[in-house]
Amino acid sequence: MSGEKLSRFAFRPGGAATIRIEASADEIYDHVADVTRTGERSLECRAAEWLPGATPGAVGSRFRGRNKSGLARWSRKCEVVEADRGVRFAFQTLPEPLDFLRRDSTIWGYTLVPDGTATLVTHDYRIVKKAVPGLTPLLAVMFPHHRDMRPHLEHTLRALKAELEAAPARV
């Protein structure tokens, strides 16, 4: 599947990357569910802050992520859609009704599977609502790396691994 070619302006509808991290599933979950630290690991998200409402990190809670790629800067409102400590954390970017460039929606998640003294961490994404028809070529030119986000997933996982494995073990 990784060898398949996308057409010139196509976007991969989803993908995943997996890494083994020497840390418990609960410890890893606590790191990925703290979205305020996402900017420390992401190539594009620079910061995120919880919005008023539900308990931060719980299903239904919302946050705003602030992103930068080259000269482009934008933000996205997101909602937590899965929150099962030590198992799975996922959030969905919410369509922005007043901004035609951000009417799409993607679910981003982390699945954690214990593996001996470590945890297999799979970071995934799935586009659940495509961009406004006709904008795909423009978005493909403006953000060519968005056509296949798997390299970004891999970068985030490597940064997460470095962060967790460098931290002193907690007893």
N, C-alpha and C. Protein backbone atom coordinates (compact mmCIF):
# COMPACT_ATOMS: atom_id res chain seq x y z
N MET A 1 0.83 -1.19 0.00
CA MET A 1 0.00 0.00 0.00
C MET A 1 0.87 1.25 0.00
N SER A 2 2.01 1.23 0.68
CA SER A 2 2.83 2.44 0.76
C SER A 2 3.45 2.80 -0.59
N GLY A 3 3.53 1.85 -1.53
CA GLY A 3 4.10 2.12 -2.83
C GLY A 3 3.12 2.70 -3.83
N GLU A 4 1.83 2.74 -3.49
CA GLU A 4 0.84 3.24 -4.44
C GLU A 4 1.04 4.74 -4.67
N LYS A 5 0.80 5.15 -5.92
CA LYS A 5 0.97 6.55 -6.30
C LYS A 5 -0.37 7.27 -6.24
N LEU A 6 -0.33 8.50 -5.74
CA LEU A 6 -1.51 9.35 -5.75
C LEU A 6 -1.52 10.16 -7.03
N SER A 7 -2.70 10.46 -7.54
CA SER A 7 -2.77 11.36 -8.68
C SER A 7 -2.26 12.73 -8.23
N ARG A 8 -2.00 13.59 -9.17
CA ARG A 8 -1.32 14.86 -8.92
C ARG A 8 -1.94 15.70 -7.78
N PHE A 9 -3.26 15.72 -7.68
CA PHE A 9 -3.90 16.55 -6.67
C PHE A 9 -4.68 15.74 -5.63
N ALA A 10 -4.49 14.45 -5.60
CA ALA A 10 -5.23 13.60 -4.67
C ALA A 10 -4.66 13.68 -3.26
N PHE A 11 -5.53 13.46 -2.30
CA PHE A 11 -5.14 13.41 -0.90
C PHE A 11 -5.38 11.99 -0.40
N ARG A 12 -4.39 11.41 0.27
CA ARG A 12 -4.57 10.08 0.85
C ARG A 12 -5.65 10.19 1.92
N PRO A 13 -6.70 9.38 1.86
CA PRO A 13 -7.83 9.53 2.79
C PRO A 13 -7.52 9.12 4.22
N GLY A 14 -6.38 8.51 4.44
CA GLY A 14 -6.00 8.10 5.79
C GLY A 14 -4.68 7.39 5.76
N GLY A 15 -4.16 7.15 6.93
CA GLY A 15 -2.89 6.45 7.03
C GLY A 15 -2.51 6.28 8.49
N ALA A 16 -1.42 5.54 8.70
CA ALA A 16 -0.97 5.27 10.06
C ALA A 16 0.52 5.01 10.07
N ALA A 17 1.10 5.17 11.23
CA ALA A 17 2.50 4.83 11.48
C ALA A 17 2.56 4.26 12.89
N THR A 18 3.48 3.32 13.10
CA THR A 18 3.61 2.66 14.40
C THR A 18 5.05 2.68 14.85
N ILE A 19 5.24 2.82 16.17
CA ILE A 19 6.57 2.79 16.77
C ILE A 19 6.47 2.10 18.13
N ARG A 20 7.56 1.51 18.57
CA ARG A 20 7.62 0.87 19.90
C ARG A 20 8.33 1.83 20.84
N ILE A 21 7.68 2.13 21.96
CA ILE A 21 8.24 3.07 22.95
C ILE A 21 8.37 2.36 24.29
N GLU A 22 9.53 2.51 24.90
CA GLU A 22 9.79 1.92 26.22
C GLU A 22 9.14 2.79 27.30
N ALA A 23 7.83 2.64 27.42
CA ALA A 23 7.04 3.34 28.44
C ALA A 23 5.70 2.63 28.52
N SER A 24 5.01 2.84 29.64
CA SER A 24 3.70 2.19 29.80
C SER A 24 2.66 2.89 28.93
N ALA A 25 1.63 2.13 28.61
CA ALA A 25 0.53 2.68 27.80
C ALA A 25 -0.13 3.87 28.51
N ASP A 26 -0.27 3.79 29.84
CA ASP A 26 -0.87 4.90 30.58
C ASP A 26 0.00 6.15 30.51
N GLU A 27 1.32 5.98 30.65
CA GLU A 27 2.21 7.14 30.59
C GLU A 27 2.17 7.79 29.20
N ILE A 28 2.18 6.96 28.17
CA ILE A 28 2.12 7.49 26.80
C ILE A 28 0.79 8.20 26.58
N TYR A 29 -0.28 7.58 27.04
CA TYR A 29 -1.61 8.20 26.90
C TYR A 29 -1.62 9.59 27.53
N ASP A 30 -1.07 9.70 28.74
CA ASP A 30 -1.07 10.99 29.42
C ASP A 30 -0.34 12.05 28.61
N HIS A 31 0.69 11.66 27.88
CA HIS A 31 1.44 12.61 27.04
C HIS A 31 0.64 13.01 25.81
N VAL A 32 0.05 12.06 25.10
CA VAL A 32 -0.66 12.41 23.86
C VAL A 32 -2.00 13.09 24.16
N ALA A 33 -2.62 12.79 25.29
CA ALA A 33 -3.89 13.41 25.63
C ALA A 33 -3.71 14.83 26.17
N ASP A 34 -2.49 15.21 26.49
CA ASP A 34 -2.20 16.59 26.90
C ASP A 34 -1.90 17.37 25.63
N VAL A 35 -2.95 17.81 24.95
CA VAL A 35 -2.78 18.46 23.65
C VAL A 35 -2.00 19.76 23.76
N THR A 36 -1.89 20.33 24.95
CA THR A 36 -1.13 21.58 25.11
C THR A 36 0.35 21.37 24.82
N ARG A 37 0.81 20.12 24.75
CA ARG A 37 2.21 19.82 24.46
C ARG A 37 2.43 19.33 23.03
N THR A 38 1.38 19.32 22.23
CA THR A 38 1.48 18.83 20.85
C THR A 38 2.53 19.59 20.06
N GLY A 39 2.62 20.88 20.26
CA GLY A 39 3.58 21.71 19.54
C GLY A 39 5.02 21.31 19.74
N GLU A 40 5.32 20.57 20.80
CA GLU A 40 6.68 20.11 21.07
C GLU A 40 7.08 18.95 20.15
N ARG A 41 6.09 18.29 19.53
CA ARG A 41 6.38 17.09 18.73
C ARG A 41 6.00 17.23 17.26
N SER A 42 5.13 18.15 16.94
CA SER A 42 4.56 18.24 15.60
C SER A 42 5.38 19.10 14.65
N LEU A 43 5.37 18.74 13.38
CA LEU A 43 6.00 19.57 12.36
C LEU A 43 5.16 20.79 12.03
N GLU A 44 3.87 20.74 12.31
CA GLU A 44 2.97 21.79 11.86
C GLU A 44 2.21 22.47 13.00
N CYS A 45 1.71 21.71 13.95
CA CYS A 45 0.99 22.31 15.07
C CYS A 45 2.01 22.99 15.99
N ARG A 46 1.80 24.25 16.25
CA ARG A 46 2.74 25.01 17.09
C ARG A 46 2.27 25.11 18.53
N ALA A 47 0.94 25.08 18.74
CA ALA A 47 0.40 25.21 20.09
C ALA A 47 -1.06 24.74 20.07
N ALA A 48 -1.55 24.41 21.24
CA ALA A 48 -2.96 24.06 21.40
C ALA A 48 -3.39 24.44 22.80
N GLU A 49 -4.62 24.90 22.91
CA GLU A 49 -5.14 25.23 24.23
C GLU A 49 -6.58 24.75 24.35
N TRP A 50 -6.90 24.28 25.55
CA TRP A 50 -8.25 23.79 25.82
C TRP A 50 -9.23 24.95 25.82
N LEU A 51 -10.41 24.70 25.29
CA LEU A 51 -11.47 25.71 25.28
C LEU A 51 -12.39 25.46 26.47
N PRO A 52 -13.08 26.50 26.93
CA PRO A 52 -14.00 26.32 28.07
C PRO A 52 -15.07 25.28 27.74
N GLY A 53 -15.50 24.58 28.76
CA GLY A 53 -16.55 23.58 28.57
C GLY A 53 -16.22 22.31 29.33
N ALA A 54 -16.27 21.19 28.64
CA ALA A 54 -16.05 19.87 29.26
C ALA A 54 -14.65 19.76 29.84
N THR A 55 -14.46 18.80 30.71
CA THR A 55 -13.16 18.53 31.32
C THR A 55 -12.12 18.27 30.23
N PRO A 56 -10.99 19.00 30.26
CA PRO A 56 -9.95 18.78 29.24
C PRO A 56 -9.57 17.31 29.12
N GLY A 57 -9.56 16.81 27.90
CA GLY A 57 -9.17 15.43 27.62
C GLY A 57 -10.32 14.45 27.60
N ALA A 58 -11.49 14.86 28.09
CA ALA A 58 -12.65 13.97 28.09
C ALA A 58 -13.36 14.04 26.73
N VAL A 59 -14.07 12.98 26.39
CA VAL A 59 -14.85 12.99 25.16
C VAL A 59 -15.78 14.20 25.19
N GLY A 60 -15.79 14.94 24.08
CA GLY A 60 -16.61 16.14 23.98
C GLY A 60 -15.88 17.43 24.31
N SER A 61 -14.71 17.32 24.96
CA SER A 61 -13.95 18.53 25.24
C SER A 61 -13.35 19.06 23.94
N ARG A 62 -13.14 20.37 23.91
CA ARG A 62 -12.64 21.01 22.68
C ARG A 62 -11.38 21.80 22.95
N PHE A 63 -10.57 21.91 21.92
CA PHE A 63 -9.37 22.73 21.99
C PHE A 63 -9.15 23.39 20.64
N ARG A 64 -8.31 24.39 20.63
CA ARG A 64 -7.93 25.05 19.38
C ARG A 64 -6.45 24.82 19.18
N GLY A 65 -6.13 24.24 18.00
CA GLY A 65 -4.74 24.04 17.62
C GLY A 65 -4.30 25.16 16.69
N ARG A 66 -3.11 25.66 16.90
CA ARG A 66 -2.54 26.73 16.06
C ARG A 66 -1.41 26.14 15.24
N ASN A 67 -1.50 26.31 13.92
CA ASN A 67 -0.60 25.64 13.00
C ASN A 67 0.19 26.62 12.15
N LYS A 68 1.33 26.13 11.66
CA LYS A 68 2.17 26.93 10.76
C LYS A 68 2.87 25.98 9.80
N SER A 69 2.85 26.36 8.52
CA SER A 69 3.58 25.62 7.50
C SER A 69 4.09 26.66 6.50
N GLY A 70 5.40 26.84 6.45
CA GLY A 70 5.95 27.88 5.60
C GLY A 70 5.43 29.23 6.06
N LEU A 71 4.88 30.00 5.15
CA LEU A 71 4.32 31.31 5.50
C LEU A 71 2.87 31.23 5.98
N ALA A 72 2.23 30.09 5.74
CA ALA A 72 0.82 29.94 6.11
C ALA A 72 0.66 29.68 7.61
N ARG A 73 -0.33 30.36 8.18
CA ARG A 73 -0.69 30.16 9.58
C ARG A 73 -2.21 30.02 9.65
N TRP A 74 -2.69 29.09 10.47
CA TRP A 74 -4.13 28.90 10.64
C TRP A 74 -4.38 28.18 11.95
N SER A 75 -5.62 28.16 12.35
CA SER A 75 -5.98 27.42 13.55
C SER A 75 -7.18 26.54 13.24
N ARG A 76 -7.34 25.51 14.05
CA ARG A 76 -8.48 24.58 13.90
C ARG A 76 -9.06 24.30 15.27
N LYS A 77 -10.38 24.30 15.33
CA LYS A 77 -11.06 23.86 16.54
C LYS A 77 -11.20 22.35 16.42
N CYS A 78 -10.93 21.65 17.52
CA CYS A 78 -10.96 20.19 17.53
C CYS A 78 -11.79 19.71 18.72
N GLU A 79 -12.32 18.51 18.58
CA GLU A 79 -13.11 17.90 19.65
C GLU A 79 -12.61 16.48 19.92
N VAL A 80 -12.43 16.15 21.19
CA VAL A 80 -12.01 14.81 21.57
C VAL A 80 -13.17 13.85 21.29
N VAL A 81 -12.89 12.78 20.53
CA VAL A 81 -13.94 11.82 20.18
C VAL A 81 -13.71 10.44 20.81
N GLU A 82 -12.50 10.18 21.30
CA GLU A 82 -12.21 8.94 22.04
C GLU A 82 -11.22 9.27 23.13
N ALA A 83 -11.48 8.75 24.33
CA ALA A 83 -10.60 9.00 25.46
C ALA A 83 -10.66 7.80 26.39
N ASP A 84 -9.87 6.78 26.09
CA ASP A 84 -9.81 5.55 26.88
C ASP A 84 -8.37 5.40 27.36
N ARG A 85 -8.09 5.87 28.58
CA ARG A 85 -6.72 5.94 29.09
C ARG A 85 -5.99 4.61 28.92
N GLY A 86 -4.80 4.71 28.35
CA GLY A 86 -3.96 3.54 28.13
C GLY A 86 -4.33 2.73 26.91
N VAL A 87 -5.39 3.14 26.19
CA VAL A 87 -5.87 2.36 25.04
C VAL A 87 -5.93 3.22 23.78
N ARG A 88 -6.70 4.32 23.83
CA ARG A 88 -6.90 5.13 22.62
C ARG A 88 -7.29 6.55 22.97
N PHE A 89 -6.68 7.50 22.26
CA PHE A 89 -7.04 8.91 22.34
C PHE A 89 -7.19 9.41 20.92
N ALA A 90 -8.30 10.08 20.62
CA ALA A 90 -8.52 10.60 19.27
C ALA A 90 -9.32 11.89 19.34
N PHE A 91 -9.05 12.75 18.35
CA PHE A 91 -9.79 14.00 18.24
C PHE A 91 -10.09 14.25 16.77
N GLN A 92 -11.09 15.10 16.55
CA GLN A 92 -11.52 15.42 15.19
C GLN A 92 -11.44 16.91 14.97
N THR A 93 -10.86 17.31 13.84
CA THR A 93 -10.90 18.73 13.46
C THR A 93 -12.33 19.03 13.04
N LEU A 94 -12.84 20.15 13.51
CA LEU A 94 -14.22 20.50 13.22
C LEU A 94 -14.29 21.43 12.02
N PRO A 95 -15.23 21.19 11.12
CA PRO A 95 -15.39 22.09 9.98
C PRO A 95 -15.71 23.50 10.44
N GLU A 96 -15.13 24.48 9.77
CA GLU A 96 -15.39 25.89 10.07
C GLU A 96 -16.40 26.41 9.05
N PRO A 97 -17.64 26.62 9.44
CA PRO A 97 -18.68 26.98 8.47
C PRO A 97 -18.45 28.30 7.75
N LEU A 98 -17.73 29.24 8.37
CA LEU A 98 -17.53 30.55 7.76
C LEU A 98 -16.25 30.64 6.93
N ASP A 99 -15.43 29.60 6.96
CA ASP A 99 -14.16 29.62 6.22
C ASP A 99 -14.16 28.46 5.23
N PHE A 100 -14.33 28.75 3.95
CA PHE A 100 -14.43 27.69 2.94
C PHE A 100 -13.15 26.87 2.81
N LEU A 101 -12.01 27.38 3.27
CA LEU A 101 -10.76 26.60 3.22
C LEU A 101 -10.70 25.55 4.33
N ARG A 102 -11.53 25.69 5.36
CA ARG A 102 -11.48 24.76 6.50
C ARG A 102 -12.83 24.11 6.75
N ARG A 103 -13.46 23.64 5.70
CA ARG A 103 -14.73 22.93 5.87
C ARG A 103 -14.53 21.42 5.90
N ASP A 104 -13.30 20.99 5.80
CA ASP A 104 -12.97 19.57 5.87
C ASP A 104 -12.92 19.12 7.33
N SER A 105 -12.76 17.82 7.54
CA SER A 105 -12.66 17.29 8.89
C SER A 105 -11.84 16.00 8.85
N THR A 106 -10.95 15.87 9.83
CA THR A 106 -10.09 14.70 9.92
C THR A 106 -10.07 14.21 11.36
N ILE A 107 -10.08 12.90 11.54
CA ILE A 107 -9.90 12.31 12.87
C ILE A 107 -8.43 11.89 12.99
N TRP A 108 -7.79 12.33 14.07
CA TRP A 108 -6.41 12.01 14.39
C TRP A 108 -6.40 11.19 15.68
N GLY A 109 -5.67 10.08 15.71
CA GLY A 109 -5.71 9.26 16.91
C GLY A 109 -4.42 8.55 17.23
N TYR A 110 -4.40 8.03 18.44
CA TYR A 110 -3.28 7.22 18.95
C TYR A 110 -3.88 5.97 19.56
N THR A 111 -3.40 4.80 19.13
CA THR A 111 -3.81 3.53 19.71
C THR A 111 -2.59 2.94 20.41
N LEU A 112 -2.78 2.45 21.63
CA LEU A 112 -1.69 1.97 22.47
C LEU A 112 -1.90 0.48 22.78
N VAL A 113 -0.87 -0.32 22.50
CA VAL A 113 -0.94 -1.75 22.76
C VAL A 113 0.30 -2.16 23.55
N PRO A 114 0.12 -2.61 24.81
CA PRO A 114 1.28 -3.05 25.59
C PRO A 114 2.05 -4.15 24.86
N ASP A 115 3.38 -4.08 24.97
CA ASP A 115 4.27 -5.04 24.29
C ASP A 115 5.45 -5.31 25.22
N GLY A 116 5.27 -6.22 26.16
CA GLY A 116 6.31 -6.49 27.15
C GLY A 116 6.50 -5.28 28.04
N THR A 117 7.75 -4.78 28.10
CA THR A 117 8.03 -3.60 28.93
C THR A 117 7.75 -2.30 28.17
N ALA A 118 7.33 -2.41 26.96
CA ALA A 118 7.11 -1.23 26.11
C ALA A 118 5.65 -1.18 25.65
N THR A 119 5.40 -0.25 24.73
CA THR A 119 4.06 -0.09 24.15
C THR A 119 4.20 0.18 22.66
N LEU A 120 3.39 -0.50 21.87
CA LEU A 120 3.31 -0.18 20.45
C LEU A 120 2.31 0.97 20.30
N VAL A 121 2.77 2.05 19.71
CA VAL A 121 1.95 3.25 19.54
C VAL A 121 1.68 3.43 18.05
N THR A 122 0.41 3.43 17.69
CA THR A 122 0.02 3.69 16.31
C THR A 122 -0.66 5.04 16.27
N HIS A 123 -0.11 5.92 15.45
CA HIS A 123 -0.68 7.26 15.23
C HIS A 123 -1.36 7.20 13.86
N ASP A 124 -2.62 7.61 13.80
CA ASP A 124 -3.36 7.47 12.55
C ASP A 124 -4.18 8.72 12.25
N TYR A 125 -4.61 8.80 11.01
CA TYR A 125 -5.54 9.85 10.60
C TYR A 125 -6.50 9.30 9.57
N ARG A 126 -7.69 9.90 9.52
CA ARG A 126 -8.70 9.51 8.54
C ARG A 126 -9.52 10.75 8.19
N ILE A 127 -9.51 11.11 6.93
CA ILE A 127 -10.32 12.24 6.48
C ILE A 127 -11.78 11.78 6.45
N VAL A 128 -12.63 12.47 7.22
CA VAL A 128 -14.04 12.10 7.29
C VAL A 128 -14.93 13.06 6.52
N LYS A 129 -14.40 14.23 6.20
CA LYS A 129 -15.13 15.17 5.35
C LYS A 129 -14.09 15.87 4.48
N LYS A 130 -14.23 15.70 3.18
CA LYS A 130 -13.28 16.28 2.23
C LYS A 130 -13.45 17.79 2.13
N ALA A 131 -12.40 18.42 1.59
CA ALA A 131 -12.44 19.86 1.35
C ALA A 131 -13.54 20.20 0.35
N VAL A 132 -13.90 21.46 0.33
CA VAL A 132 -14.91 21.93 -0.62
C VAL A 132 -14.49 21.52 -2.03
N PRO A 133 -15.40 20.91 -2.80
CA PRO A 133 -15.05 20.52 -4.17
C PRO A 133 -14.48 21.71 -4.95
N GLY A 134 -13.47 21.42 -5.74
CA GLY A 134 -12.83 22.47 -6.53
C GLY A 134 -11.62 23.07 -5.84
N LEU A 135 -11.51 22.92 -4.51
CA LEU A 135 -10.36 23.47 -3.78
C LEU A 135 -9.18 22.51 -3.71
N THR A 136 -9.42 21.24 -4.01
CA THR A 136 -8.36 20.25 -3.87
C THR A 136 -7.09 20.62 -4.62
N PRO A 137 -7.15 21.05 -5.89
CA PRO A 137 -5.90 21.42 -6.57
C PRO A 137 -5.17 22.57 -5.87
N LEU A 138 -5.90 23.58 -5.43
CA LEU A 138 -5.28 24.71 -4.74
C LEU A 138 -4.62 24.26 -3.44
N LEU A 139 -5.33 23.44 -2.65
CA LEU A 139 -4.78 22.95 -1.39
C LEU A 139 -3.57 22.05 -1.63
N ALA A 140 -3.60 21.26 -2.70
CA ALA A 140 -2.47 20.38 -3.03
C ALA A 140 -1.23 21.19 -3.37
N VAL A 141 -1.41 22.34 -4.01
CA VAL A 141 -0.27 23.20 -4.34
C VAL A 141 0.22 23.95 -3.10
N MET A 142 -0.73 24.46 -2.29
CA MET A 142 -0.37 25.22 -1.09
C MET A 142 0.25 24.35 -0.01
N PHE A 143 -0.25 23.13 0.13
CA PHE A 143 0.18 22.22 1.19
C PHE A 143 0.46 20.83 0.61
N PRO A 144 1.49 20.68 -0.21
CA PRO A 144 1.73 19.38 -0.85
C PRO A 144 1.94 18.25 0.15
N HIS A 145 2.50 18.57 1.31
CA HIS A 145 2.73 17.53 2.32
C HIS A 145 1.41 17.01 2.91
N HIS A 146 0.32 17.74 2.78
CA HIS A 146 -0.98 17.28 3.28
C HIS A 146 -1.57 16.17 2.41
N ARG A 147 -1.02 15.98 1.24
CA ARG A 147 -1.53 14.93 0.36
C ARG A 147 -1.32 13.55 0.97
N ASP A 148 -0.30 13.41 1.80
CA ASP A 148 -0.01 12.15 2.49
C ASP A 148 0.64 12.51 3.82
N MET A 149 -0.10 12.41 4.89
CA MET A 149 0.38 12.86 6.20
C MET A 149 1.20 11.82 6.96
N ARG A 150 1.43 10.66 6.36
CA ARG A 150 2.17 9.62 7.08
C ARG A 150 3.56 10.06 7.51
N PRO A 151 4.33 10.81 6.70
CA PRO A 151 5.64 11.27 7.19
C PRO A 151 5.52 12.16 8.43
N HIS A 152 4.45 12.95 8.52
CA HIS A 152 4.24 13.77 9.72
C HIS A 152 3.93 12.89 10.92
N LEU A 153 3.14 11.83 10.71
CA LEU A 153 2.85 10.90 11.79
C LEU A 153 4.13 10.27 12.31
N GLU A 154 4.99 9.85 11.39
CA GLU A 154 6.27 9.23 11.78
C GLU A 154 7.14 10.20 12.56
N HIS A 155 7.19 11.46 12.12
CA HIS A 155 7.98 12.47 12.84
C HIS A 155 7.45 12.64 14.27
N THR A 156 6.14 12.76 14.40
CA THR A 156 5.53 12.94 15.72
C THR A 156 5.84 11.76 16.62
N LEU A 157 5.76 10.55 16.09
CA LEU A 157 6.06 9.36 16.91
C LEU A 157 7.52 9.32 17.33
N ARG A 158 8.43 9.66 16.43
CA ARG A 158 9.86 9.68 16.81
C ARG A 158 10.11 10.71 17.91
N ALA A 159 9.48 11.87 17.82
CA ALA A 159 9.64 12.91 18.84
C ALA A 159 9.03 12.44 20.17
N LEU A 160 7.88 11.78 20.12
CA LEU A 160 7.25 11.25 21.33
C LEU A 160 8.15 10.20 21.99
N LYS A 161 8.72 9.32 21.17
CA LYS A 161 9.63 8.29 21.68
C LYS A 161 10.84 8.93 22.36
N ALA A 162 11.45 9.91 21.72
CA ALA A 162 12.62 10.59 22.29
C ALA A 162 12.25 11.26 23.61
N GLU A 163 11.11 11.89 23.64
CA GLU A 163 10.64 12.58 24.85
C GLU A 163 10.44 11.60 26.00
N LEU A 164 9.76 10.49 25.74
CA LEU A 164 9.43 9.54 26.80
C LEU A 164 10.64 8.71 27.22
N GLU A 165 11.46 8.31 26.30
CA GLU A 165 12.58 7.46 26.65
C GLU A 165 13.72 8.24 27.28
N ALA A 166 13.73 9.56 27.12
CA ALA A 166 14.74 10.39 27.77
C ALA A 166 14.34 10.75 29.19
N ALA A 167 13.05 10.66 29.48
CA ALA A 167 12.55 11.00 30.81
C ALA A 167 12.96 9.93 31.82
N PRO A 168 13.26 10.34 33.05
CA PRO A 168 13.59 9.34 34.07
C PRO A 168 12.38 8.46 34.34
N ALA A 169 12.63 7.17 34.56
CA ALA A 169 11.55 6.22 34.82
C ALA A 169 10.82 6.60 36.11
N ARG A 170 9.48 6.50 36.07
CA ARG A 170 8.67 6.77 37.25
C ARG A 170 8.24 5.46 37.86
N VAL A 171 8.33 5.38 39.15
CA VAL A 171 7.93 4.16 39.86
C VAL A 171 6.58 4.33 40.48
